[in-house]
Amino acid sequence: MVDVPLAPPIVPSDPPVHAAPKHGKASASVRDVEPPSGVSESSTAVEAVAERTETPAPKPPSEAAILLQARRALRLDPAQALRWIREHEKRFPNGSLSQEREVLAVEVLRDKVNVLQEFNPMLGHRGCRLGISFPEITEMQAQAIFEAACELRREGKNPFPEVMIPLVGSRPELHEQKAIVERIARETQKSYGVKVRYLIGTMIELPRACMVADEIAEEAEFFSFGTNDLTQTCLGLSRDDAGKFLPSYVLQGILPEDPFVSIDRDGVGALMRIAITKGRKIRKKLEIGICGEHGGDPRSVAFCHDIGLDYVSCSPYRVPIARLAAAQAALRSKTP
């Protein structure tokens, strides 16, 4: 291969040098040749190089050119178009760029909304998945929790928040989110100058989470069964749509009762038993409860007592029923 230079090298022209003959001396030497009047040899060479290398400074783009570039970028990357305008906006105060920036900001927001739209949000980008994609969401929520707890601690109270990471299906998911919560907890406590007790656990809402509960328990300090979603993912039913046919299933005896009203013991209940056994194999004193409408159903409360749960959580208006059902279940277990 042969390297081809992009431009001929700049070689200053030197005066000719006459070689001396074998017998005699040179007719002229380099030093014998004088440069033009008032110009030295070195300055002549520098000026020749300067003439070839100097180029005029590029002119900054006009406002019209910036608008055109931004509108072209808008088709592919609205955020890039917005950055382009913000970069040059200061050069044109009260110009068209400010108005265009406002329009582009709306476009960027609309583009983000379109990207986040889903066909099946219930099984989509939510829970811990959203926090993994956008860590700032987890940071914001954790900061709100611990700032409130620290303020209460300053008032002499003793808050004990339990931070629950939702929709976990694997240990790495919980590990990543737990690290964020712990970091925010340290930073917030340091800034307030107080210490707050807290726990970090997870909601068990997926069949896979039940099957790998021993791995998840390595990270989680408590479990809470999200029985609404666990029922949906176990039975493959949408709670929002199943009402169209579930009544006929119950009438025909296909299902003994609506699984969203009372826990499906053979299906959902079996998964809960697996998770409890595996979780407490790793943490013997692992606190486990349920969170959902099932917590206010007397038969579900009795079932939770039978499988060894520590608590049930439900809507406020269901709390009296849940307490009564829990007391009755406890009495039955003590009766010989």
C-alpha atoms as a PDB file:
ATOM      1  CA  MET A   1       0.000   0.000   0.000  1.00  0.00           C
ATOM      2  CA  VAL A   2       1.112   3.528  -0.726  1.00  0.00           C
ATOM      3  CA  ASP A   3       0.297   6.457   1.561  1.00  0.00           C
ATOM      4  CA  VAL A   4      -1.044   9.350  -0.470  1.00  0.00           C
ATOM      5  CA  PRO A   5      -0.744  12.701   1.299  1.00  0.00           C
ATOM      6  CA  LEU A   6      -3.867  14.850   1.305  1.00  0.00           C
ATOM      7  CA  ALA A   7      -1.797  17.954   0.404  1.00  0.00           C
ATOM      8  CA  PRO A   8       1.746  18.425  -0.883  1.00  0.00           C
ATOM      9  CA  PRO A   9       4.242  19.107   1.903  1.00  0.00           C
ATOM     10  CA  ILE A  10       5.216  22.707   2.433  1.00  0.00           C
ATOM     11  CA  VAL A  11       8.883  23.093   1.648  1.00  0.00           C
ATOM     12  CA  PRO A  12      10.393  26.580   1.789  1.00  0.00           C
ATOM     13  CA  SER A  13      12.236  27.418  -1.392  1.00  0.00           C
ATOM     14  CA  ASP A  14      15.957  27.725  -0.748  1.00  0.00           C
ATOM     15  CA  PRO A  15      18.448  29.460  -2.969  1.00  0.00           C
ATOM     16  CA  PRO A  16      20.452  27.169  -5.179  1.00  0.00           C
ATOM     17  CA  VAL A  17      23.623  25.713  -3.835  1.00  0.00           C
ATOM     18  CA  HIS A  18      26.561  25.396  -6.238  1.00  0.00           C
ATOM     19  CA  ALA A  19      28.776  22.479  -5.524  1.00  0.00           C
ATOM     20  CA  ALA A  20      32.455  23.137  -5.600  1.00  0.00           C
ATOM     21  CA  PRO A  21      34.419  21.483  -8.405  1.00  0.00           C
ATOM     22  CA  LYS A  22      37.031  18.927  -7.567  1.00  0.00           C
ATOM     23  CA  HIS A  23      39.747  21.429  -8.258  1.00  0.00           C
ATOM     24  CA  GLY A  24      38.859  24.919  -7.056  1.00  0.00           C
ATOM     25  CA  LYS A  25      36.157  26.392  -4.814  1.00  0.00           C
ATOM     26  CA  ALA A  26      32.399  26.843  -5.078  1.00  0.00           C
ATOM     27  CA  SER A  27      31.226  29.788  -7.066  1.00  0.00           C
ATOM     28  CA  ALA A  28      28.605  30.595  -4.397  1.00  0.00           C
ATOM     29  CA  SER A  29      27.399  29.189  -1.067  1.00  0.00           C
ATOM     30  CA  VAL A  30      24.072  29.423   0.745  1.00  0.00           C
ATOM     31  CA  ARG A  31      25.415  32.203   2.905  1.00  0.00           C
ATOM     32  CA  ASP A  32      26.537  34.108  -0.181  1.00  0.00           C
ATOM     33  CA  VAL A  33      22.890  34.509  -1.351  1.00  0.00           C
ATOM     34  CA  GLU A  34      21.098  37.345   0.433  1.00  0.00           C
ATOM     35  CA  PRO A  35      17.320  37.441   0.903  1.00  0.00           C
ATOM     36  CA  PRO A  36      15.293  40.319  -0.522  1.00  0.00           C
ATOM     37  CA  SER A  37      15.791  43.659   1.100  1.00  0.00           C
ATOM     38  CA  GLY A  38      14.127  43.970   4.528  1.00  0.00           C
ATOM     39  CA  VAL A  39      13.110  40.277   4.778  1.00  0.00           C
ATOM     40  CA  SER A  40      14.964  37.580   6.653  1.00  0.00           C
ATOM     41  CA  GLU A  41      15.131  33.947   5.639  1.00  0.00           C
ATOM     42  CA  SER A  42      13.172  32.728   8.711  1.00  0.00           C
ATOM     43  CA  SER A  43      10.346  35.245   8.350  1.00  0.00           C
ATOM     44  CA  THR A  44       9.917  34.362   4.666  1.00  0.00           C
ATOM     45  CA  ALA A  45       9.399  30.679   5.503  1.00  0.00           C
ATOM     46  CA  VAL A  46       6.952  31.404   8.373  1.00  0.00           C
ATOM     47  CA  GLU A  47       4.868  33.704   6.217  1.00  0.00           C
ATOM     48  CA  ALA A  48       4.663  31.073   3.488  1.00  0.00           C
ATOM     49  CA  VAL A  49       3.370  28.476   5.969  1.00  0.00           C
ATOM     50  CA  ALA A  50       0.895  30.914   7.473  1.00  0.00           C
ATOM     51  CA  GLU A  51      -0.551  31.774   4.085  1.00  0.00           C
ATOM     52  CA  ARG A  52      -1.320  28.119   3.450  1.00  0.00           C
ATOM     53  CA  THR A  53      -2.692  27.109   6.898  1.00  0.00           C
ATOM     54  CA  GLU A  54      -4.815  30.037   8.019  1.00  0.00           C
ATOM     55  CA  THR A  55      -8.574  29.573   7.404  1.00  0.00           C
ATOM     56  CA  PRO A  56     -11.387  31.910   8.322  1.00  0.00           C
ATOM     57  CA  ALA A  57     -13.271  31.064  11.572  1.00  0.00           C
ATOM     58  CA  PRO A  58     -16.652  29.388  10.911  1.00  0.00           C
ATOM     59  CA  LYS A  59     -19.661  31.585  11.425  1.00  0.00           C
ATOM     60  CA  PRO A  60     -22.176  30.500  14.110  1.00  0.00           C
ATOM     61  CA  PRO A  61     -25.414  29.095  12.674  1.00  0.00           C
ATOM     62  CA  SER A  62     -28.271  31.498  12.154  1.00  0.00           C
ATOM     63  CA  GLU A  63     -31.553  31.219  14.039  1.00  0.00           C
ATOM     64  CA  ALA A  64     -33.255  29.908  10.890  1.00  0.00           C
ATOM     65  CA  ALA A  65     -30.566  27.239  10.467  1.00  0.00           C
ATOM     66  CA  ILE A  66     -30.937  26.155  14.098  1.00  0.00           C
ATOM     67  CA  LEU A  67     -34.705  25.852  13.742  1.00  0.00           C
ATOM     68  CA  LEU A  68     -34.321  23.809  10.570  1.00  0.00           C
ATOM     69  CA  GLN A  69     -31.811  21.458  12.223  1.00  0.00           C
ATOM     70  CA  ALA A  70     -34.037  21.041  15.278  1.00  0.00           C
ATOM     71  CA  ARG A  71     -37.094  20.211  13.173  1.00  0.00           C
ATOM     72  CA  ARG A  72     -35.125  17.608  11.258  1.00  0.00           C
ATOM     73  CA  ALA A  73     -33.933  16.030  14.511  1.00  0.00           C
ATOM     74  CA  LEU A  74     -37.475  16.110  15.881  1.00  0.00           C
ATOM     75  CA  ARG A  75     -38.502  13.250  13.613  1.00  0.00           C
ATOM     76  CA  LEU A  76     -35.844  10.924  15.015  1.00  0.00           C
ATOM     77  CA  ASP A  77     -35.022  12.226  18.482  1.00  0.00           C
ATOM     78  CA  PRO A  78     -37.153  14.983  20.037  1.00  0.00           C
ATOM     79  CA  ALA A  79     -34.887  15.123  23.100  1.00  0.00           C
ATOM     80  CA  GLN A  80     -31.865  15.829  20.895  1.00  0.00           C
ATOM     81  CA  ALA A  81     -33.774  18.583  19.100  1.00  0.00           C
ATOM     82  CA  LEU A  82     -34.610  20.158  22.459  1.00  0.00           C
ATOM     83  CA  ARG A  83     -30.971  20.020  23.544  1.00  0.00           C
ATOM     84  CA  TRP A  84     -29.916  21.631  20.252  1.00  0.00           C
ATOM     85  CA  ILE A  85     -32.251  24.577  20.810  1.00  0.00           C
ATOM     86  CA  ARG A  86     -31.262  25.032  24.459  1.00  0.00           C
ATOM     87  CA  GLU A  87     -27.615  25.133  23.418  1.00  0.00           C
ATOM     88  CA  HIS A  88     -28.154  28.126  21.101  1.00  0.00           C
ATOM     89  CA  GLU A  89     -31.156  29.814  22.726  1.00  0.00           C
ATOM     90  CA  LYS A  90     -29.109  32.385  24.656  1.00  0.00           C
ATOM     91  CA  ARG A  91     -27.776  33.872  21.425  1.00  0.00           C
ATOM     92  CA  PHE A  92     -31.281  34.853  20.344  1.00  0.00           C
ATOM     93  CA  PRO A  93     -33.157  36.297  23.354  1.00  0.00           C
ATOM     94  CA  ASN A  94     -36.881  36.784  22.768  1.00  0.00           C
ATOM     95  CA  GLY A  95     -36.570  35.037  19.415  1.00  0.00           C
ATOM     96  CA  SER A  96     -38.306  32.102  17.800  1.00  0.00           C
ATOM     97  CA  LEU A  97     -36.101  29.561  19.620  1.00  0.00           C
ATOM     98  CA  SER A  98     -37.848  30.156  22.955  1.00  0.00           C
ATOM     99  CA  GLN A  99     -41.235  29.454  21.413  1.00  0.00           C
ATOM    100  CA  GLU A 100     -39.874  26.412  19.605  1.00  0.00           C
ATOM    101  CA  ARG A 101     -38.378  25.086  22.841  1.00  0.00           C
ATOM    102  CA  GLU A 102     -41.783  25.126  24.513  1.00  0.00           C
ATOM    103  CA  VAL A 103     -43.285  23.242  21.583  1.00  0.00           C
ATOM    104  CA  LEU A 104     -40.481  20.689  21.616  1.00  0.00           C
ATOM    105  CA  ALA A 105     -40.808  20.176  25.380  1.00  0.00           C
ATOM    106  CA  VAL A 106     -44.396  19.089  24.804  1.00  0.00           C
ATOM    107  CA  GLU A 107     -43.248  16.810  21.972  1.00  0.00           C
ATOM    108  CA  VAL A 108     -40.616  15.201  24.188  1.00  0.00           C
ATOM    109  CA  LEU A 109     -43.202  14.545  26.904  1.00  0.00           C
ATOM    110  CA  ARG A 110     -45.663  13.119  24.376  1.00  0.00           C
ATOM    111  CA  ASP A 111     -42.917  10.919  22.930  1.00  0.00           C
ATOM    112  CA  LYS A 112     -42.100   9.552  26.398  1.00  0.00           C
ATOM    113  CA  VAL A 113     -45.774   8.813  27.073  1.00  0.00           C
ATOM    114  CA  ASN A 114     -46.044   6.940  23.782  1.00  0.00           C
ATOM    115  CA  VAL A 115     -42.956   4.887  24.590  1.00  0.00           C
ATOM    116  CA  LEU A 116     -44.389   3.869  27.973  1.00  0.00           C
ATOM    117  CA  GLN A 117     -47.790   2.807  26.627  1.00  0.00           C
ATOM    118  CA  GLU A 118     -48.464  -0.929  26.941  1.00  0.00           C
ATOM    119  CA  PHE A 119     -51.011  -3.429  25.699  1.00  0.00           C
ATOM    120  CA  ASN A 120     -51.093  -5.316  29.016  1.00  0.00           C
ATOM    121  CA  PRO A 121     -49.874  -3.043  31.820  1.00  0.00           C
ATOM    122  CA  MET A 122     -50.778  -5.545  34.534  1.00  0.00           C
ATOM    123  CA  LEU A 123     -47.935  -7.775  33.333  1.00  0.00           C
ATOM    124  CA  GLY A 124     -45.828  -4.943  31.983  1.00  0.00           C
ATOM    125  CA  HIS A 125     -43.551  -2.133  33.058  1.00  0.00           C
ATOM    126  CA  ARG A 126     -44.516  -1.649  36.687  1.00  0.00           C
ATOM    127  CA  GLY A 127     -43.456  -2.500  40.219  1.00  0.00           C
ATOM    128  CA  CYS A 128     -39.734  -3.021  40.707  1.00  0.00           C
ATOM    129  CA  ARG A 129     -39.301  -3.135  36.915  1.00  0.00           C
ATOM    130  CA  LEU A 130     -40.151   0.540  36.716  1.00  0.00           C
ATOM    131  CA  GLY A 131     -37.719   1.309  39.539  1.00  0.00           C
ATOM    132  CA  ILE A 132     -34.953  -0.586  37.765  1.00  0.00           C
ATOM    133  CA  SER A 133     -35.546   1.289  34.494  1.00  0.00           C
ATOM    134  CA  PHE A 134     -35.918   4.625  36.301  1.00  0.00           C
ATOM    135  CA  PRO A 135     -33.946   4.460  39.594  1.00  0.00           C
ATOM    136  CA  GLU A 136     -34.897   8.040  40.374  1.00  0.00           C
ATOM    137  CA  ILE A 137     -38.458   6.844  41.084  1.00  0.00           C
ATOM    138  CA  THR A 138     -37.232   4.477  43.805  1.00  0.00           C
ATOM    139  CA  GLU A 139     -34.927   7.197  45.134  1.00  0.00           C
ATOM    140  CA  MET A 140     -37.778   9.710  45.325  1.00  0.00           C
ATOM    141  CA  GLN A 141     -40.120   7.324  47.145  1.00  0.00           C
ATOM    142  CA  ALA A 142     -37.433   6.165  49.575  1.00  0.00           C
ATOM    143  CA  GLN A 143     -36.441   9.746  50.321  1.00  0.00           C
ATOM    144  CA  ALA A 144     -40.054  10.657  51.105  1.00  0.00           C
ATOM    145  CA  ILE A 145     -40.340   7.702  53.502  1.00  0.00           C
ATOM    146  CA  PHE A 146     -37.118   8.370  55.366  1.00  0.00           C
ATOM    147  CA  GLU A 147     -37.497  12.139  55.544  1.00  0.00           C
ATOM    148  CA  ALA A 148     -40.894  11.636  57.175  1.00  0.00           C
ATOM    149  CA  ALA A 149     -39.438   9.036  59.555  1.00  0.00           C
ATOM    150  CA  CYS A 150     -36.493  11.289  60.467  1.00  0.00           C
ATOM    151  CA  GLU A 151     -38.775  14.233  61.172  1.00  0.00           C
ATOM    152  CA  LEU A 152     -40.840  12.060  63.511  1.00  0.00           C
ATOM    153  CA  ARG A 153     -37.641  10.869  65.182  1.00  0.00           C
ATOM    154  CA  ARG A 154     -36.649  14.489  65.815  1.00  0.00           C
ATOM    155  CA  GLU A 155     -40.002  15.006  67.497  1.00  0.00           C
ATOM    156  CA  GLY A 156     -39.149  12.239  69.942  1.00  0.00           C
ATOM    157  CA  LYS A 157     -41.311   9.569  68.340  1.00  0.00           C
ATOM    158  CA  ASN A 158     -40.171   6.096  67.325  1.00  0.00           C
ATOM    159  CA  PRO A 159     -41.184   5.373  63.705  1.00  0.00           C
ATOM    160  CA  PHE A 160     -40.446   1.962  62.229  1.00  0.00           C
ATOM    161  CA  PRO A 161     -40.982   1.997  58.442  1.00  0.00           C
ATOM    162  CA  GLU A 162     -41.115  -1.253  56.497  1.00  0.00           C
ATOM    163  CA  VAL A 163     -40.187  -0.573  52.874  1.00  0.00           C
ATOM    164  CA  MET A 164     -41.795  -3.074  50.518  1.00  0.00           C
ATOM    165  CA  ILE A 165     -40.449  -3.600  46.972  1.00  0.00           C
ATOM    166  CA  PRO A 166     -43.310  -4.756  44.691  1.00  0.00           C
ATOM    167  CA  LEU A 167     -43.564  -7.359  41.936  1.00  0.00           C
ATOM    168  CA  VAL A 168     -40.202  -9.010  42.603  1.00  0.00           C
ATOM    169  CA  GLY A 169     -39.605 -12.249  40.716  1.00  0.00           C
ATOM    170  CA  SER A 170     -35.904 -12.807  41.375  1.00  0.00           C
ATOM    171  CA  ARG A 171     -33.216 -12.048  43.917  1.00  0.00           C
ATOM    172  CA  PRO A 172     -31.205  -9.700  41.618  1.00  0.00           C
ATOM    173  CA  GLU A 173     -34.250  -7.442  41.198  1.00  0.00           C
ATOM    174  CA  LEU A 174     -34.642  -7.061  44.948  1.00  0.00           C
ATOM    175  CA  HIS A 175     -30.895  -6.696  45.488  1.00  0.00           C
ATOM    176  CA  GLU A 176     -30.704  -3.771  43.054  1.00  0.00           C
ATOM    177  CA  GLN A 177     -33.674  -1.923  44.537  1.00  0.00           C
ATOM    178  CA  LYS A 178     -32.649  -2.665  48.111  1.00  0.00           C
ATOM    179  CA  ALA A 179     -29.247  -1.055  47.492  1.00  0.00           C
ATOM    180  CA  ILE A 180     -30.949   2.166  46.394  1.00  0.00           C
ATOM    181  CA  VAL A 181     -33.212   2.243  49.456  1.00  0.00           C
ATOM    182  CA  GLU A 182     -30.314   1.592  51.830  1.00  0.00           C
ATOM    183  CA  ARG A 183     -28.235   4.355  50.253  1.00  0.00           C
ATOM    184  CA  ILE A 184     -31.067   6.890  50.526  1.00  0.00           C
ATOM    185  CA  ALA A 185     -31.705   5.794  54.116  1.00  0.00           C
ATOM    186  CA  ARG A 186     -28.051   6.418  55.050  1.00  0.00           C
ATOM    187  CA  GLU A 187     -27.923   9.793  53.327  1.00  0.00           C
ATOM    188  CA  THR A 188     -31.205  10.985  54.846  1.00  0.00           C
ATOM    189  CA  GLN A 189     -30.339   9.882  58.384  1.00  0.00           C
ATOM    190  CA  LYS A 190     -26.949  11.578  58.093  1.00  0.00           C
ATOM    191  CA  SER A 191     -28.482  14.853  56.917  1.00  0.00           C
ATOM    192  CA  TYR A 192     -31.029  14.829  59.776  1.00  0.00           C
ATOM    193  CA  GLY A 193     -28.546  13.574  62.364  1.00  0.00           C
ATOM    194  CA  VAL A 194     -30.845  10.811  63.644  1.00  0.00           C
ATOM    195  CA  LYS A 195     -31.126   7.029  63.453  1.00  0.00           C
ATOM    196  CA  VAL A 196     -34.268   5.226  62.290  1.00  0.00           C
ATOM    197  CA  ARG A 197     -35.062   1.535  62.472  1.00  0.00           C
ATOM    198  CA  TYR A 198     -36.404   0.078  59.265  1.00  0.00           C
ATOM    199  CA  LEU A 199     -36.885  -3.150  57.331  1.00  0.00           C
ATOM    200  CA  ILE A 200     -36.764  -3.843  53.609  1.00  0.00           C
ATOM    201  CA  GLY A 201     -38.928  -6.616  52.234  1.00  0.00           C
ATOM    202  CA  THR A 202     -40.935  -7.548  49.192  1.00  0.00           C
ATOM    203  CA  MET A 203     -44.391  -8.373  47.927  1.00  0.00           C
ATOM    204  CA  ILE A 204     -44.784 -11.923  46.672  1.00  0.00           C
ATOM    205  CA  GLU A 205     -47.115 -11.497  43.701  1.00  0.00           C
ATOM    206  CA  LEU A 206     -45.713 -13.883  41.099  1.00  0.00           C
ATOM    207  CA  PRO A 207     -45.634 -17.712  40.980  1.00  0.00           C
ATOM    208  CA  ARG A 208     -41.905 -17.543  40.255  1.00  0.00           C
ATOM    209  CA  ALA A 209     -41.332 -15.545  43.411  1.00  0.00           C
ATOM    210  CA  CYS A 210     -42.993 -18.339  45.383  1.00  0.00           C
ATOM    211  CA  MET A 211     -40.786 -20.969  43.762  1.00  0.00           C
ATOM    212  CA  VAL A 212     -37.538 -19.071  44.473  1.00  0.00           C
ATOM    213  CA  ALA A 213     -38.603 -17.643  47.831  1.00  0.00           C
ATOM    214  CA  ASP A 214     -35.497 -19.074  49.483  1.00  0.00           C
ATOM    215  CA  GLU A 215     -33.277 -16.983  47.183  1.00  0.00           C
ATOM    216  CA  ILE A 216     -35.399 -13.873  47.691  1.00  0.00           C
ATOM    217  CA  ALA A 217     -35.290 -14.366  51.468  1.00  0.00           C
ATOM    218  CA  GLU A 218     -31.516 -13.867  51.317  1.00  0.00           C
ATOM    219  CA  GLU A 219     -32.324 -10.190  50.653  1.00  0.00           C
ATOM    220  CA  ALA A 220     -35.832  -9.675  52.037  1.00  0.00           C
ATOM    221  CA  GLU A 221     -36.453  -9.077  55.738  1.00  0.00           C
ATOM    222  CA  PHE A 222     -40.179  -9.755  55.381  1.00  0.00           C
ATOM    223  CA  PHE A 223     -42.696 -11.112  52.856  1.00  0.00           C
ATOM    224  CA  SER A 224     -46.130  -9.775  52.072  1.00  0.00           C
ATOM    225  CA  PHE A 225     -48.295 -11.779  49.692  1.00  0.00           C
ATOM    226  CA  GLY A 226     -50.028  -9.507  47.225  1.00  0.00           C
ATOM    227  CA  THR A 227     -52.910 -11.909  46.872  1.00  0.00           C
ATOM    228  CA  ASN A 228     -54.779  -9.839  44.285  1.00  0.00           C
ATOM    229  CA  ASP A 229     -51.942 -10.039  41.755  1.00  0.00           C
ATOM    230  CA  LEU A 230     -50.884 -13.522  42.851  1.00  0.00           C
ATOM    231  CA  THR A 231     -54.405 -14.697  42.049  1.00  0.00           C
ATOM    232  CA  GLN A 232     -54.280 -13.037  38.642  1.00  0.00           C
ATOM    233  CA  THR A 233     -50.883 -14.483  37.736  1.00  0.00           C
ATOM    234  CA  CYS A 234     -51.641 -17.938  39.156  1.00  0.00           C
ATOM    235  CA  LEU A 235     -55.038 -18.388  37.496  1.00  0.00           C
ATOM    236  CA  GLY A 236     -54.275 -16.301  34.406  1.00  0.00           C
ATOM    237  CA  LEU A 237     -57.287 -14.105  35.105  1.00  0.00           C
ATOM    238  CA  SER A 238     -57.699 -10.358  34.883  1.00  0.00           C
ATOM    239  CA  ARG A 239     -59.537  -9.081  37.928  1.00  0.00           C
ATOM    240  CA  ASP A 240     -60.917  -6.218  35.832  1.00  0.00           C
ATOM    241  CA  ASP A 241     -62.385  -8.502  33.153  1.00  0.00           C
ATOM    242  CA  ALA A 242     -63.075 -11.823  34.856  1.00  0.00           C
ATOM    243  CA  GLY A 243     -66.363 -10.567  36.303  1.00  0.00           C
ATOM    244  CA  LYS A 244     -67.949 -11.187  32.899  1.00  0.00           C
ATOM    245  CA  PHE A 245     -67.694 -14.962  33.244  1.00  0.00           C
ATOM    246  CA  LEU A 246     -66.663 -15.836  36.822  1.00  0.00           C
ATOM    247  CA  PRO A 247     -70.270 -15.757  38.141  1.00  0.00           C
ATOM    248  CA  SER A 248     -71.249 -18.464  35.646  1.00  0.00           C
ATOM    249  CA  TYR A 249     -68.201 -20.512  36.663  1.00  0.00           C
ATOM    250  CA  VAL A 250     -69.358 -20.390  40.273  1.00  0.00           C
ATOM    251  CA  LEU A 251     -72.967 -21.186  39.317  1.00  0.00           C
ATOM    252  CA  GLN A 252     -71.865 -24.209  37.281  1.00  0.00           C
ATOM    253  CA  GLY A 253     -69.584 -25.459  40.047  1.00  0.00           C
ATOM    254  CA  ILE A 254     -66.399 -25.047  38.008  1.00  0.00           C
ATOM    255  CA  LEU A 255     -65.056 -22.849  40.806  1.00  0.00           C
ATOM    256  CA  PRO A 256     -66.301 -23.125  44.397  1.00  0.00           C
ATOM    257  CA  GLU A 257     -66.278 -19.322  44.772  1.00  0.00           C
ATOM    258  CA  ASP A 258     -64.842 -16.155  43.253  1.00  0.00           C
ATOM    259  CA  PRO A 259     -61.036 -16.427  43.743  1.00  0.00           C
ATOM    260  CA  PHE A 260     -60.810 -12.646  44.049  1.00  0.00           C
ATOM    261  CA  VAL A 261     -63.156 -12.719  47.031  1.00  0.00           C
ATOM    262  CA  SER A 262     -61.739 -15.717  48.896  1.00  0.00           C
ATOM    263  CA  ILE A 263     -58.285 -17.246  48.437  1.00  0.00           C
ATOM    264  CA  ASP A 264     -58.069 -20.198  46.041  1.00  0.00           C
ATOM    265  CA  ARG A 265     -56.564 -22.637  48.533  1.00  0.00           C
ATOM    266  CA  ASP A 266     -55.630 -25.364  46.057  1.00  0.00           C
ATOM    267  CA  GLY A 267     -53.824 -23.056  43.631  1.00  0.00           C
ATOM    268  CA  VAL A 268     -52.857 -19.724  45.163  1.00  0.00           C
ATOM    269  CA  GLY A 269     -52.807 -21.263  48.623  1.00  0.00           C
ATOM    270  CA  ALA A 270     -50.391 -23.979  47.499  1.00  0.00           C
ATOM    271  CA  LEU A 271     -48.003 -21.356  46.145  1.00  0.00           C
ATOM    272  CA  MET A 272     -48.207 -19.473  49.435  1.00  0.00           C
ATOM    273  CA  ARG A 273     -47.305 -22.623  51.384  1.00  0.00           C
ATOM    274  CA  ILE A 274     -44.250 -23.168  49.168  1.00  0.00           C
ATOM    275  CA  ALA A 275     -43.073 -19.604  49.650  1.00  0.00           C
ATOM    276  CA  ILE A 276     -43.526 -19.739  53.426  1.00  0.00           C
ATOM    277  CA  THR A 277     -41.585 -22.993  53.730  1.00  0.00           C
ATOM    278  CA  LYS A 278     -38.715 -21.823  51.519  1.00  0.00           C
ATOM    279  CA  GLY A 279     -38.538 -18.339  52.997  1.00  0.00           C
ATOM    280  CA  ARG A 280     -38.419 -19.475  56.622  1.00  0.00           C
ATOM    281  CA  LYS A 281     -35.860 -22.095  55.753  1.00  0.00           C
ATOM    282  CA  ILE A 282     -33.471 -19.180  55.203  1.00  0.00           C
ATOM    283  CA  ARG A 283     -34.880 -16.806  57.848  1.00  0.00           C
ATOM    284  CA  LYS A 284     -36.578 -18.685  60.653  1.00  0.00           C
ATOM    285  CA  LYS A 285     -38.257 -15.572  62.039  1.00  0.00           C
ATOM    286  CA  LEU A 286     -39.247 -14.135  58.650  1.00  0.00           C
ATOM    287  CA  GLU A 287     -42.357 -11.982  59.109  1.00  0.00           C
ATOM    288  CA  ILE A 288     -45.005 -12.913  56.532  1.00  0.00           C
ATOM    289  CA  GLY A 289     -48.470 -11.510  55.879  1.00  0.00           C
ATOM    290  CA  ILE A 290     -50.866 -10.699  53.078  1.00  0.00           C
ATOM    291  CA  CYS A 291     -51.897  -7.418  51.508  1.00  0.00           C
ATOM    292  CA  GLY A 292     -55.109  -7.195  49.517  1.00  0.00           C
ATOM    293  CA  GLU A 293     -58.868  -7.527  49.664  1.00  0.00           C
ATOM    294  CA  HIS A 294     -58.531 -11.119  50.838  1.00  0.00           C
ATOM    295  CA  GLY A 295     -57.356  -9.728  54.169  1.00  0.00           C
ATOM    296  CA  GLY A 296     -60.944  -8.748  54.948  1.00  0.00           C
ATOM    297  CA  ASP A 297     -62.500 -12.099  53.994  1.00  0.00           C
ATOM    298  CA  PRO A 298     -63.135 -14.293  57.091  1.00  0.00           C
ATOM    299  CA  ARG A 299     -62.401 -17.577  55.279  1.00  0.00           C
ATOM    300  CA  SER A 300     -59.174 -16.175  53.849  1.00  0.00           C
ATOM    301  CA  VAL A 301     -58.136 -14.855  57.274  1.00  0.00           C
ATOM    302  CA  ALA A 302     -58.711 -18.301  58.767  1.00  0.00           C
ATOM    303  CA  PHE A 303     -56.613 -19.878  56.004  1.00  0.00           C
ATOM    304  CA  CYS A 304     -53.782 -17.383  56.621  1.00  0.00           C
ATOM    305  CA  HIS A 305     -53.832 -18.299  60.300  1.00  0.00           C
ATOM    306  CA  ASP A 306     -53.677 -22.007  59.461  1.00  0.00           C
ATOM    307  CA  ILE A 307     -50.588 -21.674  57.249  1.00  0.00           C
ATOM    308  CA  GLY A 308     -48.718 -19.571  59.818  1.00  0.00           C
ATOM    309  CA  LEU A 309     -48.938 -15.969  58.616  1.00  0.00           C
ATOM    310  CA  ASP A 310     -48.208 -13.194  61.105  1.00  0.00           C
ATOM    311  CA  TYR A 311     -50.697 -10.567  59.951  1.00  0.00           C
ATOM    312  CA  VAL A 312     -53.259  -9.579  57.333  1.00  0.00           C
ATOM    313  CA  SER A 313     -53.634  -6.166  55.725  1.00  0.00           C
ATOM    314  CA  CYS A 314     -56.839  -4.891  54.171  1.00  0.00           C
ATOM    315  CA  SER A 315     -58.968  -1.844  53.434  1.00  0.00           C
ATOM    316  CA  PRO A 316     -59.860   0.250  56.513  1.00  0.00           C
ATOM    317  CA  TYR A 317     -63.561  -0.600  56.424  1.00  0.00           C
ATOM    318  CA  ARG A 318     -62.690  -4.336  56.500  1.00  0.00           C
ATOM    319  CA  VAL A 319     -60.454  -4.110  59.584  1.00  0.00           C
ATOM    320  CA  PRO A 320     -63.203  -4.954  62.151  1.00  0.00           C
ATOM    321  CA  ILE A 321     -64.202  -8.064  60.192  1.00  0.00           C
ATOM    322  CA  ALA A 322     -60.552  -9.100  59.823  1.00  0.00           C
ATOM    323  CA  ARG A 323     -59.917  -8.723  63.560  1.00  0.00           C
ATOM    324  CA  LEU A 324     -62.970 -10.785  64.432  1.00  0.00           C
ATOM    325  CA  ALA A 325     -62.000 -13.502  61.940  1.00  0.00           C
ATOM    326  CA  ALA A 326     -58.422 -13.594  63.266  1.00  0.00           C
ATOM    327  CA  ALA A 327     -59.664 -13.932  66.841  1.00  0.00           C
ATOM    328  CA  GLN A 328     -62.039 -16.731  65.894  1.00  0.00           C
ATOM    329  CA  ALA A 329     -59.254 -18.574  64.032  1.00  0.00           C
ATOM    330  CA  ALA A 330     -56.947 -18.267  67.039  1.00  0.00           C
ATOM    331  CA  LEU A 331     -59.635 -19.639  69.375  1.00  0.00           C
ATOM    332  CA  ARG A 332     -60.348 -22.574  67.067  1.00  0.00           C
ATOM    333  CA  SER A 333     -56.678 -23.506  66.960  1.00  0.00           C
ATOM    334  CA  LYS A 334     -56.555 -23.602  70.783  1.00  0.00           C
ATOM    335  CA  THR A 335     -59.728 -25.649  71.138  1.00  0.00           C
ATOM    336  CA  PRO A 336     -58.949 -29.393  71.470  1.00  0.00           C
END
